Amino acid sequence: MALSSAKICSTLTLFSSFVFIISATSDENRTSGDFNSSTPNDKSVIYNVTDNYTTPEPTVFESTTPTVAYNSKEEPVLPVSGRLLTPVTNVDRLCPCDEKRDMCNINCCCDRKCNKEVALFTSCSVTAVSGIKQLCSYDVAYYTLRTTIDGYSELQSSVLKEANYDIFCIQSHNRVDGLSHPSPALPAHTNFESLFKHFTSFIFGSVSSNQVLPAEVQSSPGYQFGDVMVTAGENSERQMFYLPARGVTSECLDNSPAAFLKDQSCLCSRRLVLDRDCSSLPALSKDTYSNIQLFAGKNTDAEVVDVEASVIVQSTEGTQTELTVGSGDDLSPVLLSPTLCANVVLKVIYVIKYNSAGEVVNAVVSVVLGFVRETAKLLEQEFRIMYIQEYRGDLAVHYSGNPGYVVGLPIVSGARTTDGIKRNLNLRDTLSLLHSTQGQDCLRCSHRRSPVLFGLDSVSGCTLRLEDVTNCSLVSQLLLDVLRGQNFPQYVASFGNSPLDSQLDWVQIKSNHPVETQSCNIPLSLHFEIEWTKYGSLVNPQVKIVSIKEVIQTNTSNLALLSGTSGVLPIRSSVAFIPISAAALPGYRATPTINAKLPFDFFFPFV
């Protein structure tokens, strides 16, 4: 009896497994189509077809096996966890225009019954059939006609896989919980600080002072581009050189490292409580930014360079005065009243001088101290760091590119001497334009100048009153000096780091003066045309200045006619950058020639 019961149980188990496999197989091949109505004149309509999904046949039937459910609109529902199911759609077997079965539909290129009638088709009523567009990728079947030599039509069909760029697709992930991602925490006033530290720690993460640098980095004598500079902390510990920067918001982050040869400028804010933070917050004290010792290089035996500090005091009205700091002076922040804190750091500027080996030679910091009132809820601080290279002793050169020019950096200019090119470092001597101010008079006020920045077209000028033109030749020379500057340069560097001893890397400024046709010629405008091109490889092209031309326009008629009734003439200076780079064309080098010489008896005994 026990044996017969076991046989009955095994038979029922086998029968139930057989029924389950049949049910799974029947669900696997189910396909539902959703076709849009088409118009006779619109041949580029794509018909969307809902894809069917297949699941791999399981070896062990458990309740956790991923399954696919279908709702009333026949849309697939993804499982809560597991892996994404593979869509299977044979779009080349779907034909929305096949309305009549067992017979050919005219101009229905996807109808398989139209093998012989295709030659007489004039066009395809359906040109493309695609799968559901809610997936990351789907197949699209295209149908077109081409005319043969005999004048008949021939069908051209293809199936292509297209990516859907309108949805967000996750290609891979490393979460152990599969597709079930927890809902993110919404930021509120109670958890904002914790979320802010959590999501910004990977950007500005603090590094332990006990961290050991790699051996290949320690062997380098100096810093390289992008390296983090090292400071000497307490007990001779090696620490990173930090420069405050902005995070995701405008709040200052004090654990942002400063990279070597990367000029940085940032304006950030801090939220203060004066009675608590005035004397205790290190970010407000001058010593935090001035009492720093930099290592000249990354080696353990590198020399220590002290940072020289200069202090500028800013009054409550905004006026600034440079302060001579003695050894015993105390400039720590102090709370003068419950609503006023003095000696607070408002601005910090570092200037790092380095040599050709990448070692720090000198470091200077300029700190602006001022006052903060209780009414100001946020304290804005500005931080900047600049790098200049040591050149020929005490002369420091700040390049405008290495080697090509960088957009936004000044044009390097100079004058020719017997020893070579002498570079202009003073702003008044370099290639510059007038710095426009409201109501600026060309002859009656002092003029500020702005250097010509590469890649930035600019226009500036001043006004000339006709009542001041008593001596035409004198006014003409004065205006020319105002437009050009006192010491107008003769050459500009073709690259941002052109050496001074190579005159071929410097381009002469060509002047275009008009012919004098009037008794009184007044320069009305000064215009620079700078032509540049891309030089070098296609992967990393460098900007090179090819030519620069100075165009001066003078009056061709009487000044009174030009000014009209106002009696005022506008004088303008401008600069324009013109790219002349030729389009890159693919090419090949010349075929090598083979200079082969055979011995005189090579064909012996035949010849």
Foldseek 3Di string as FASTA:
>chain_A
DVVVVVVVVVVVVVVVVVVVVVVLVVLQPDFDADFDDADQVDAADETEGEFGFHDDDDPDDDPPRWDWDADPVRHTDGDQFDDDTDTDDDQLQDFPPCPDPPADDALRLSDPRCPPVQQVHDWHSYAKYWYHLVDQKTKMKGWTWDADPVGTIDIDIDIDIDGRPPDDDDPDDDDPRGNNDDDDDDDDPVCPVVVVCVVCCVPLPADDLPDDDDPVQQPQFAADFFDFWWWQDPPRGTGTAWDWAQDPDQATDGRHTDTPQDKDKHKGKDFDQCVPCQQPPPQFFPCVPQQIWTFQHNHPPGDIAHEAEWEWEAEPVGDIDTDDDDPPDDLGWDDPDSFKIWSTWAEKEKEWEHEPSNTTDYIYMYTYIYMGTNVPRMRMHMYIYHYWYDDDPPDTHDFQDDWFHDFFAFWWFFAADPQFTDTDDDPLQAFWFWDADPQAALPDDDTDIDGDGPPDKDKHWHKYFLVVPPDQVVQQVSNVCSGQGVNHTFWTAFTRCDDRNDNVRIEGEAEDDDDDDDPHKHFQEKEKEWEWEWDDDPVDTGITTDYIYIYTDIDPDDPCVVVDPVRMGIHMYIYDYHYDYDDDDDDDDDDDDDDDDDDPCPVPPVD
